[in-house]
Amino acid sequence: TCNYNSSPAVLQLYNIPVVNISVDEGTMVLSLHTAYD
């Protein structure tokens, strides 16, 4: 999905931001939430 409410728009997988997709390496870089206390 592409979230056009952000500027610039944000590509998402399961509502997780996608930073990069590589066909050559078969990888996808996601911006995952950090756990904290």
Full PDB file with SEQRES, HELIX, SHEET, SSBOND, CRYST1, ORIGX, SCALE, CONECT and MASTER records, all heavy atoms in Angstrom:
SEQRES   1 A   37  THR CYS ASN TYR ASN SER SER PRO ALA VAL LEU GLN LEU          
SEQRES   2 A   37  TYR ASN ILE PRO VAL VAL ASN ILE SER VAL ASP GLU GLY          
SEQRES   3 A   37  THR MET VAL LEU SER LEU HIS THR ALA TYR ASP                  
SHEET    1 AA1 4 CYS A   2  ASN A   3  0                                        
SHEET    2 AA1 4 VAL A  10  LEU A  13 -1                                        
SHEET    3 AA1 4 ILE A  16  SER A  22 -1                                        
SHEET    4 AA1 4 THR A  27  LEU A  30 -1                                        
CRYST1    1.000    1.000    1.000  90.00  90.00  90.00 P 1           1          
ORIGX1      1.000000  0.000000  0.000000        0.00000                         
ORIGX2      0.000000  1.000000  0.000000        0.00000                         
ORIGX3      0.000000  0.000000  1.000000        0.00000                         
SCALE1      1.000000  0.000000  0.000000        0.00000                         
SCALE2      0.000000  1.000000  0.000000        0.00000                         
SCALE3      0.000000  0.000000  1.000000        0.00000                         
ATOM      1  N   THR A   1       0.847  -1.196   0.000  1.00  0.00           N  
ATOM      2  CA  THR A   1       0.000   0.000   0.000  1.00  0.00           C  
ATOM      3  C   THR A   1       0.878   1.239   0.000  1.00  0.00           C  
ATOM      4  O   THR A   1       2.018   1.208   0.473  1.00  0.00           O  
ATOM      5  CB  THR A   1      -0.930   0.034   1.225  1.00  0.00           C  
ATOM      6  OG1 THR A   1      -0.129  -0.016   2.412  1.00  0.00           O  
ATOM      7  CG2 THR A   1      -1.890  -1.139   1.212  1.00  0.00           C  
ATOM      8  N   CYS A   2       0.330   2.321  -0.518  1.00  0.00           N  
ATOM      9  CA  CYS A   2       1.061   3.590  -0.551  1.00  0.00           C  
ATOM     10  C   CYS A   2       0.258   4.612   0.252  1.00  0.00           C  
ATOM     11  O   CYS A   2      -0.887   4.941  -0.088  1.00  0.00           O  
ATOM     12  CB  CYS A   2       1.250   4.067  -1.984  1.00  0.00           C  
ATOM     13  SG  CYS A   2       2.378   5.479  -2.121  1.00  0.00           S  
ATOM     14  N   ASN A   3       0.852   5.088   1.340  1.00  0.00           N  
ATOM     15  CA  ASN A   3       0.181   6.059   2.212  1.00  0.00           C  
ATOM     16  C   ASN A   3       0.474   7.468   1.693  1.00  0.00           C  
ATOM     17  O   ASN A   3       1.550   8.019   1.910  1.00  0.00           O  
ATOM     18  CB  ASN A   3       0.683   5.887   3.651  1.00  0.00           C  
ATOM     19  CG  ASN A   3      -0.029   6.815   4.618  1.00  0.00           C  
ATOM     20  OD1 ASN A   3      -0.892   7.606   4.232  1.00  0.00           O  
ATOM     21  ND2 ASN A   3       0.344   6.731   5.881  1.00  0.00           N  
ATOM     22  N   TYR A   4      -0.522   8.051   1.023  1.00  0.00           N  
ATOM     23  CA  TYR A   4      -0.354   9.371   0.431  1.00  0.00           C  
ATOM     24  C   TYR A   4      -0.637  10.492   1.431  1.00  0.00           C  
ATOM     25  O   TYR A   4      -0.512  11.673   1.086  1.00  0.00           O  
ATOM     26  CB  TYR A   4      -1.274   9.525  -0.783  1.00  0.00           C  
ATOM     27  CG  TYR A   4      -0.900   8.601  -1.915  1.00  0.00           C  
ATOM     28  CD1 TYR A   4      -1.620   7.429  -2.142  1.00  0.00           C  
ATOM     29  CD2 TYR A   4       0.171   8.902  -2.753  1.00  0.00           C  
ATOM     30  CE1 TYR A   4      -1.278   6.573  -3.185  1.00  0.00           C  
ATOM     31  CE2 TYR A   4       0.521   8.053  -3.801  1.00  0.00           C  
ATOM     32  CZ  TYR A   4      -0.205   6.894  -4.006  1.00  0.00           C  
ATOM     33  OH  TYR A   4       0.149   6.050  -5.029  1.00  0.00           O  
ATOM     34  N   ASN A   5      -0.994  10.121   2.673  1.00  0.00           N  
ATOM     35  CA  ASN A   5      -1.239  11.150   3.685  1.00  0.00           C  
ATOM     36  C   ASN A   5       0.061  11.759   4.202  1.00  0.00           C  
ATOM     37  O   ASN A   5       0.054  12.801   4.849  1.00  0.00           O  
ATOM     38  CB  ASN A   5      -2.022  10.556   4.864  1.00  0.00           C  
ATOM     39  CG  ASN A   5      -3.434  10.159   4.454  1.00  0.00           C  
ATOM     40  OD1 ASN A   5      -4.030  10.811   3.598  1.00  0.00           O  
ATOM     41  ND2 ASN A   5      -3.940   9.078   5.038  1.00  0.00           N  
ATOM     42  N   SER A   6       1.183  11.054   3.975  1.00  0.00           N  
ATOM     43  CA  SER A   6       2.491  11.574   4.381  1.00  0.00           C  
ATOM     44  C   SER A   6       3.124  12.305   3.209  1.00  0.00           C  
ATOM     45  O   SER A   6       2.761  12.106   2.051  1.00  0.00           O  
ATOM     46  CB  SER A   6       3.400  10.432   4.833  1.00  0.00           C  
ATOM     47  OG  SER A   6       2.828   9.743   5.924  1.00  0.00           O  
ATOM     48  N   SER A   7       4.105  13.124   3.530  1.00  0.00           N  
ATOM     49  CA  SER A   7       4.828  13.846   2.485  1.00  0.00           C  
ATOM     50  C   SER A   7       6.339  13.701   2.733  1.00  0.00           C  
ATOM     51  O   SER A   7       6.844  14.239   3.714  1.00  0.00           O  
ATOM     52  CB  SER A   7       4.434  15.328   2.470  1.00  0.00           C  
ATOM     53  OG  SER A   7       5.116  16.003   1.425  1.00  0.00           O  
ATOM     54  N   PRO A   8       7.063  12.966   1.865  1.00  0.00           N  
ATOM     55  CA  PRO A   8       6.530  12.244   0.702  1.00  0.00           C  
ATOM     56  C   PRO A   8       5.719  11.023   1.118  1.00  0.00           C  
ATOM     57  O   PRO A   8       5.723  10.634   2.276  1.00  0.00           O  
ATOM     58  CB  PRO A   8       7.804  11.838  -0.043  1.00  0.00           C  
ATOM     59  CG  PRO A   8       8.825  11.699   1.036  1.00  0.00           C  
ATOM     60  CD  PRO A   8       8.521  12.775   2.038  1.00  0.00           C  
ATOM     61  N   ALA A   9       5.032  10.413   0.134  1.00  0.00           N  
ATOM     62  CA  ALA A   9       4.217   9.229   0.396  1.00  0.00           C  
ATOM     63  C   ALA A   9       5.095   8.101   0.930  1.00  0.00           C  
ATOM     64  O   ALA A   9       6.292   8.028   0.637  1.00  0.00           O  
ATOM     65  CB  ALA A   9       3.500   8.795  -0.887  1.00  0.00           C  
ATOM     66  N   VAL A  10       4.482   7.216   1.726  1.00  0.00           N  
ATOM     67  CA  VAL A  10       5.225   6.132   2.376  1.00  0.00           C  
ATOM     68  C   VAL A  10       4.721   4.785   1.872  1.00  0.00           C  
ATOM     69  O   VAL A  10       3.522   4.493   1.949  1.00  0.00           O  
ATOM     70  CB  VAL A  10       5.090   6.201   3.913  1.00  0.00           C  
ATOM     71  CG1 VAL A  10       5.799   5.020   4.569  1.00  0.00           C  
ATOM     72  CG2 VAL A  10       5.657   7.518   4.432  1.00  0.00           C  
ATOM     73  N   LEU A  11       5.627   3.958   1.348  1.00  0.00           N  
ATOM     74  CA  LEU A  11       5.299   2.594   0.928  1.00  0.00           C  
ATOM     75  C   LEU A  11       5.204   1.719   2.174  1.00  0.00           C  
ATOM     76  O   LEU A  11       6.045   1.820   3.076  1.00  0.00           O  
ATOM     77  CB  LEU A  11       6.381   2.062  -0.013  1.00  0.00           C  
ATOM     78  CG  LEU A  11       6.128   0.703  -0.649  1.00  0.00           C  
ATOM     79  CD1 LEU A  11       4.925   0.748  -1.587  1.00  0.00           C  
ATOM     80  CD2 LEU A  11       7.373   0.222  -1.405  1.00  0.00           C  
ATOM     81  N   GLN A  12       4.174   0.829   2.234  1.00  0.00           N  
ATOM     82  CA  GLN A  12       3.957   0.053   3.453  1.00  0.00           C  
ATOM     83  C   GLN A  12       3.674  -1.417   3.155  1.00  0.00           C  
ATOM     84  O   GLN A  12       3.020  -1.754   2.167  1.00  0.00           O  
ATOM     85  CB  GLN A  12       2.770   0.626   4.248  1.00  0.00           C  
ATOM     86  CG  GLN A  12       3.020   2.014   4.819  1.00  0.00           C  
ATOM     87  CD  GLN A  12       1.815   2.565   5.557  1.00  0.00           C  
ATOM     88  OE1 GLN A  12       0.682   2.281   5.182  1.00  0.00           O  
ATOM     89  NE2 GLN A  12       2.056   3.319   6.609  1.00  0.00           N  
ATOM     90  N   LEU A  13       4.197  -2.275   4.049  1.00  0.00           N  
ATOM     91  CA  LEU A  13       3.856  -3.689   4.099  1.00  0.00           C  
ATOM     92  C   LEU A  13       3.271  -3.956   5.477  1.00  0.00           C  
ATOM     93  O   LEU A  13       3.952  -3.761   6.490  1.00  0.00           O  
ATOM     94  CB  LEU A  13       5.107  -4.567   3.885  1.00  0.00           C  
ATOM     95  CG  LEU A  13       4.935  -6.063   4.121  1.00  0.00           C  
ATOM     96  CD1 LEU A  13       4.114  -6.692   2.996  1.00  0.00           C  
ATOM     97  CD2 LEU A  13       6.290  -6.771   4.229  1.00  0.00           C  
ATOM     98  N   TYR A  14       2.003  -4.383   5.546  1.00  0.00           N  
ATOM     99  CA  TYR A  14       1.311  -4.570   6.837  1.00  0.00           C  
ATOM    100  C   TYR A  14       1.403  -3.296   7.688  1.00  0.00           C  
ATOM    101  O   TYR A  14       1.682  -3.350   8.881  1.00  0.00           O  
ATOM    102  CB  TYR A  14       1.911  -5.714   7.643  1.00  0.00           C  
ATOM    103  CG  TYR A  14       2.184  -6.979   6.883  1.00  0.00           C  
ATOM    104  CD1 TYR A  14       3.383  -7.661   7.043  1.00  0.00           C  
ATOM    105  CD2 TYR A  14       1.234  -7.510   6.011  1.00  0.00           C  
ATOM    106  CE1 TYR A  14       3.636  -8.834   6.349  1.00  0.00           C  
ATOM    107  CE2 TYR A  14       1.481  -8.671   5.320  1.00  0.00           C  
ATOM    108  CZ  TYR A  14       2.679  -9.332   5.485  1.00  0.00           C  
ATOM    109  OH  TYR A  14       2.928 -10.484   4.797  1.00  0.00           O  
ATOM    110  N   ASN A  15       1.285  -2.127   7.095  1.00  0.00           N  
ATOM    111  CA  ASN A  15       1.373  -0.829   7.783  1.00  0.00           C  
ATOM    112  C   ASN A  15       2.774  -0.525   8.303  1.00  0.00           C  
ATOM    113  O   ASN A  15       2.957   0.388   9.118  1.00  0.00           O  
ATOM    114  CB  ASN A  15       0.376  -0.752   8.949  1.00  0.00           C  
ATOM    115  CG  ASN A  15      -1.061  -0.792   8.469  1.00  0.00           C  
ATOM    116  OD1 ASN A  15      -1.379  -0.234   7.417  1.00  0.00           O  
ATOM    117  ND2 ASN A  15      -1.919  -1.464   9.209  1.00  0.00           N  
ATOM    118  N   ILE A  16       3.776  -1.284   7.853  1.00  0.00           N  
ATOM    119  CA  ILE A  16       5.167  -1.025   8.237  1.00  0.00           C  
ATOM    120  C   ILE A  16       5.846  -0.292   7.081  1.00  0.00           C  
ATOM    121  O   ILE A  16       5.782  -0.752   5.931  1.00  0.00           O  
ATOM    122  CB  ILE A  16       5.926  -2.336   8.512  1.00  0.00           C  
ATOM    123  CG1 ILE A  16       5.194  -3.167   9.561  1.00  0.00           C  
ATOM    124  CG2 ILE A  16       7.345  -2.054   8.974  1.00  0.00           C  
ATOM    125  CD1 ILE A  16       5.748  -4.569   9.695  1.00  0.00           C  
ATOM    126  N   PRO A  17       6.523   0.832   7.339  1.00  0.00           N  
ATOM    127  CA  PRO A  17       7.198   1.553   6.258  1.00  0.00           C  
ATOM    128  C   PRO A  17       8.268   0.701   5.573  1.00  0.00           C  
ATOM    129  O   PRO A  17       9.063   0.031   6.229  1.00  0.00           O  
ATOM    130  CB  PRO A  17       7.820   2.761   6.985  1.00  0.00           C  
ATOM    131  CG  PRO A  17       6.993   2.933   8.222  1.00  0.00           C  
ATOM    132  CD  PRO A  17       6.584   1.553   8.628  1.00  0.00           C  
ATOM    133  N   VAL A  18       8.259   0.730   4.243  1.00  0.00           N  
ATOM    134  CA  VAL A  18       9.260   0.029   3.433  1.00  0.00           C  
ATOM    135  C   VAL A  18      10.280   1.053   2.953  1.00  0.00           C  
ATOM    136  O   VAL A  18       9.932   2.049   2.323  1.00  0.00           O  
ATOM    137  CB  VAL A  18       8.602  -0.679   2.236  1.00  0.00           C  
ATOM    138  CG1 VAL A  18       9.660  -1.358   1.374  1.00  0.00           C  
ATOM    139  CG2 VAL A  18       7.566  -1.687   2.709  1.00  0.00           C  
ATOM    140  N   VAL A  19      11.556   0.804   3.233  1.00  0.00           N  
ATOM    141  CA  VAL A  19      12.620   1.744   2.892  1.00  0.00           C  
ATOM    142  C   VAL A  19      13.253   1.414   1.543  1.00  0.00           C  
ATOM    143  O   VAL A  19      13.647   2.307   0.791  1.00  0.00           O  
ATOM    144  CB  VAL A  19      13.706   1.734   3.998  1.00  0.00           C  
ATOM    145  CG1 VAL A  19      14.853   2.672   3.644  1.00  0.00           C  
ATOM    146  CG2 VAL A  19      13.098   2.119   5.336  1.00  0.00           C  
ATOM    147  N   ASN A  20      13.337   0.111   1.229  1.00  0.00           N  
ATOM    148  CA  ASN A  20      14.002  -0.290  -0.021  1.00  0.00           C  
ATOM    149  C   ASN A  20      13.571  -1.705  -0.380  1.00  0.00           C  
ATOM    150  O   ASN A  20      13.299  -2.522   0.496  1.00  0.00           O  
ATOM    151  CB  ASN A  20      15.526  -0.227   0.142  1.00  0.00           C  
ATOM    152  CG  ASN A  20      16.266  -0.753  -1.073  1.00  0.00           C  
ATOM    153  OD1 ASN A  20      16.647  -1.912  -1.107  1.00  0.00           O  
ATOM    154  ND2 ASN A  20      16.451   0.097  -2.066  1.00  0.00           N  
ATOM    155  N   ILE A  21      13.509  -2.000  -1.689  1.00  0.00           N  
ATOM    156  CA  ILE A  21      13.255  -3.357  -2.184  1.00  0.00           C  
ATOM    157  C   ILE A  21      14.348  -3.699  -3.192  1.00  0.00           C  
ATOM    158  O   ILE A  21      14.618  -2.919  -4.102  1.00  0.00           O  
ATOM    159  CB  ILE A  21      11.874  -3.475  -2.859  1.00  0.00           C  
ATOM    160  CG1 ILE A  21      10.756  -3.124  -1.876  1.00  0.00           C  
ATOM    161  CG2 ILE A  21      11.667  -4.882  -3.415  1.00  0.00           C  
ATOM    162  CD1 ILE A  21       9.379  -3.072  -2.517  1.00  0.00           C  
ATOM    163  N   SER A  22      14.986  -4.867  -3.033  1.00  0.00           N  
ATOM    164  CA  SER A  22      16.018  -5.306  -3.963  1.00  0.00           C  
ATOM    165  C   SER A  22      15.611  -6.627  -4.594  1.00  0.00           C  
ATOM    166  O   SER A  22      15.408  -7.625  -3.899  1.00  0.00           O  
ATOM    167  CB  SER A  22      17.361  -5.480  -3.237  1.00  0.00           C  
ATOM    168  OG  SER A  22      18.312  -6.086  -4.099  1.00  0.00           O  
ATOM    169  N   VAL A  23      15.481  -6.621  -5.925  1.00  0.00           N  
ATOM    170  CA  VAL A  23      15.177  -7.854  -6.656  1.00  0.00           C  
ATOM    171  C   VAL A  23      16.421  -8.724  -6.741  1.00  0.00           C  
ATOM    172  O   VAL A  23      16.352  -9.951  -6.624  1.00  0.00           O  
ATOM    173  CB  VAL A  23      14.637  -7.523  -8.067  1.00  0.00           C  
ATOM    174  CG1 VAL A  23      14.511  -8.784  -8.912  1.00  0.00           C  
ATOM    175  CG2 VAL A  23      13.287  -6.827  -7.961  1.00  0.00           C  
ATOM    176  N   ASP A  24      17.594  -8.101  -6.925  1.00  0.00           N  
ATOM    177  CA  ASP A  24      18.841  -8.865  -7.056  1.00  0.00           C  
ATOM    178  C   ASP A  24      19.162  -9.663  -5.800  1.00  0.00           C  
ATOM    179  O   ASP A  24      19.613 -10.806  -5.876  1.00  0.00           O  
ATOM    180  CB  ASP A  24      20.011  -7.926  -7.370  1.00  0.00           C  
ATOM    181  CG  ASP A  24      19.922  -7.351  -8.776  1.00  0.00           C  
ATOM    182  OD1 ASP A  24      19.168  -7.921  -9.584  1.00  0.00           O  
ATOM    183  OD2 ASP A  24      20.598  -6.344  -9.049  1.00  0.00           O  
ATOM    184  N   GLU A  25      18.930  -9.069  -4.617  1.00  0.00           N  
ATOM    185  CA  GLU A  25      19.277  -9.741  -3.365  1.00  0.00           C  
ATOM    186  C   GLU A  25      18.090 -10.436  -2.714  1.00  0.00           C  
ATOM    187  O   GLU A  25      18.270 -11.190  -1.755  1.00  0.00           O  
ATOM    188  CB  GLU A  25      19.870  -8.730  -2.377  1.00  0.00           C  
ATOM    189  CG  GLU A  25      21.196  -8.146  -2.824  1.00  0.00           C  
ATOM    190  CD  GLU A  25      21.826  -7.274  -1.760  1.00  0.00           C  
ATOM    191  OE1 GLU A  25      21.071  -6.626  -0.991  1.00  0.00           O  
ATOM    192  OE2 GLU A  25      23.050  -7.241  -1.668  1.00  0.00           O  
ATOM    193  N   GLY A  26      16.893 -10.184  -3.209  1.00  0.00           N  
ATOM    194  CA  GLY A  26      15.710 -10.789  -2.606  1.00  0.00           C  
ATOM    195  C   GLY A  26      15.459 -10.271  -1.204  1.00  0.00           C  
ATOM    196  O   GLY A  26      15.111 -11.032  -0.303  1.00  0.00           O  
ATOM    197  N   THR A  27      15.641  -8.952  -1.020  1.00  0.00           N  
ATOM    198  CA  THR A  27      15.491  -8.365   0.316  1.00  0.00           C  
ATOM    199  C   THR A  27      14.560  -7.162   0.283  1.00  0.00           C  
ATOM    200  O   THR A  27      14.326  -6.551  -0.760  1.00  0.00           O  
ATOM    201  CB  THR A  27      16.849  -7.912   0.882  1.00  0.00           C  
ATOM    202  OG1 THR A  27      17.433  -6.939  -0.001  1.00  0.00           O  
ATOM    203  CG2 THR A  27      17.786  -9.086   1.063  1.00  0.00           C  
ATOM    204  N   MET A  28      14.048  -6.846   1.482  1.00  0.00           N  
ATOM    205  CA  MET A  28      13.228  -5.661   1.678  1.00  0.00           C  
ATOM    206  C   MET A  28      13.647  -5.040   3.009  1.00  0.00           C  
ATOM    207  O   MET A  28      13.718  -5.737   4.026  1.00  0.00           O  
ATOM    208  CB  MET A  28      11.745  -6.048   1.714  1.00  0.00           C  
ATOM    209  CG  MET A  28      10.797  -4.899   2.032  1.00  0.00           C  
ATOM    210  SD  MET A  28       9.086  -5.487   2.210  1.00  0.00           S  
ATOM    211  CE  MET A  28       8.699  -5.897   0.529  1.00  0.00           C  
ATOM    212  N   VAL A  29      13.982  -3.756   2.998  1.00  0.00           N  
ATOM    213  CA  VAL A  29      14.359  -3.064   4.222  1.00  0.00           C  
ATOM    214  C   VAL A  29      13.122  -2.396   4.802  1.00  0.00           C  
ATOM    215  O   VAL A  29      12.465  -1.596   4.137  1.00  0.00           O  
ATOM    216  CB  VAL A  29      15.467  -2.017   3.962  1.00  0.00           C  
ATOM    217  CG1 VAL A  29      15.820  -1.286   5.259  1.00  0.00           C  
ATOM    218  CG2 VAL A  29      16.700  -2.682   3.385  1.00  0.00           C  
ATOM    219  N   LEU A  30      12.782  -2.766   6.062  1.00  0.00           N  
ATOM    220  CA  LEU A  30      11.614  -2.215   6.743  1.00  0.00           C  
ATOM    221  C   LEU A  30      12.043  -1.357   7.925  1.00  0.00           C  
ATOM    222  O   LEU A  30      13.091  -1.599   8.529  1.00  0.00           O  
ATOM    223  CB  LEU A  30      10.710  -3.340   7.259  1.00  0.00           C  
ATOM    224  CG  LEU A  30      10.185  -4.351   6.242  1.00  0.00           C  
ATOM    225  CD1 LEU A  30       9.322  -5.391   6.932  1.00  0.00           C  
ATOM    226  CD2 LEU A  30       9.395  -3.655   5.145  1.00  0.00           C  
ATOM    227  N   SER A  31      11.239  -0.369   8.255  1.00  0.00           N  
ATOM    228  CA  SER A  31      11.489   0.474   9.423  1.00  0.00           C  
ATOM    229  C   SER A  31      10.618  -0.040  10.563  1.00  0.00           C  
ATOM    230  O   SER A  31       9.452   0.320  10.679  1.00  0.00           O  
ATOM    231  CB  SER A  31      11.158   1.936   9.101  1.00  0.00           C  
ATOM    232  OG  SER A  31      11.450   2.764  10.203  1.00  0.00           O  
ATOM    233  N   LEU A  32      11.191  -0.934  11.406  1.00  0.00           N  
ATOM    234  CA  LEU A  32      10.433  -1.590  12.469  1.00  0.00           C  
ATOM    235  C   LEU A  32      10.462  -0.778  13.758  1.00  0.00           C  
ATOM    236  O   LEU A  32      11.464  -0.125  14.074  1.00  0.00           O  
ATOM    237  CB  LEU A  32      11.002  -2.982  12.744  1.00  0.00           C  
ATOM    238  CG  LEU A  32      10.915  -4.001  11.601  1.00  0.00           C  
ATOM    239  CD1 LEU A  32      11.502  -5.332  12.038  1.00  0.00           C  
ATOM    240  CD2 LEU A  32       9.476  -4.185  11.152  1.00  0.00           C  
ATOM    241  N   HIS A  33       9.393  -0.865  14.530  1.00  0.00           N  
ATOM    242  CA  HIS A  33       9.316  -0.170  15.810  1.00  0.00           C  
ATOM    243  C   HIS A  33      10.368  -0.689  16.781  1.00  0.00           C  
ATOM    244  O   HIS A  33      10.712  -1.873  16.781  1.00  0.00           O  
ATOM    245  CB  HIS A  33       7.933  -0.341  16.446  1.00  0.00           C  
ATOM    246  CG  HIS A  33       6.868   0.492  15.791  1.00  0.00           C  
ATOM    247  ND1 HIS A  33       6.947   1.862  15.687  1.00  0.00           N  
ATOM    248  CD2 HIS A  33       5.696   0.132  15.199  1.00  0.00           C  
ATOM    249  CE1 HIS A  33       5.872   2.318  15.076  1.00  0.00           C  
ATOM    250  NE2 HIS A  33       5.099   1.290  14.750  1.00  0.00           N  
ATOM    251  N   THR A  34      10.863   0.208  17.625  1.00  0.00           N  
ATOM    252  CA  THR A  34      11.832  -0.128  18.660  1.00  0.00           C  
ATOM    253  C   THR A  34      11.108  -0.400  19.977  1.00  0.00           C  
ATOM    254  O   THR A  34      10.218   0.351  20.361  1.00  0.00           O  
ATOM    255  CB  THR A  34      12.823   1.037  18.848  1.00  0.00           C  
ATOM    256  OG1 THR A  34      13.520   1.258  17.623  1.00  0.00           O  
ATOM    257  CG2 THR A  34      13.831   0.723  19.943  1.00  0.00           C  
ATOM    258  N   ALA A  35      11.504  -1.496  20.665  1.00  0.00           N  
ATOM    259  CA  ALA A  35      10.977  -1.752  22.016  1.00  0.00           C  
ATOM    260  C   ALA A  35      11.780  -0.925  23.021  1.00  0.00           C  
ATOM    261  O   ALA A  35      12.992  -0.748  22.846  1.00  0.00           O  
ATOM    262  CB  ALA A  35      11.077  -3.235  22.354  1.00  0.00           C  
ATOM    263  N   TYR A  36      11.119  -0.407  24.058  1.00  0.00           N  
ATOM    264  CA  TYR A  36      11.843   0.423  25.022  1.00  0.00           C  
ATOM    265  C   TYR A  36      11.163   0.394  26.378  1.00  0.00           C  
ATOM    266  O   TYR A  36      10.012  -0.041  26.513  1.00  0.00           O  
ATOM    267  CB  TYR A  36      11.935   1.875  24.521  1.00  0.00           C  
ATOM    268  CG  TYR A  36      10.606   2.579  24.387  1.00  0.00           C  
ATOM    269  CD1 TYR A  36      10.019   3.246  25.473  1.00  0.00           C  
ATOM    270  CD2 TYR A  36       9.933   2.590  23.166  1.00  0.00           C  
ATOM    271  CE1 TYR A  36       8.802   3.890  25.338  1.00  0.00           C  
ATOM    272  CE2 TYR A  36       8.709   3.224  23.029  1.00  0.00           C  
ATOM    273  CZ  TYR A  36       8.144   3.877  24.126  1.00  0.00           C  
ATOM    274  OH  TYR A  36       6.930   4.510  24.001  1.00  0.00           O  
ATOM    275  N   ASP A  37      11.885   0.826  27.413  1.00  0.00           N  
ATOM    276  CA  ASP A  37      11.306   1.076  28.730  1.00  0.00           C  
ATOM    277  C   ASP A  37      12.023   2.279  29.336  1.00  0.00           C  
ATOM    278  O   ASP A  37      13.243   2.365  29.298  1.00  0.00           O  
ATOM    279  CB  ASP A  37      11.401  -0.151  29.644  1.00  0.00           C  
ATOM    280  CG  ASP A  37      12.813  -0.659  29.816  1.00  0.00           C  
ATOM    281  OD1 ASP A  37      13.642  -0.438  28.914  1.00  0.00           O  
ATOM    282  OD2 ASP A  37      13.104  -1.287  30.860  1.00  0.00           O  
TER     283      ASP A  37                                                      
MASTER        0    0    0    0    4    0    0    6  282    1    0    3          
END                                                                             
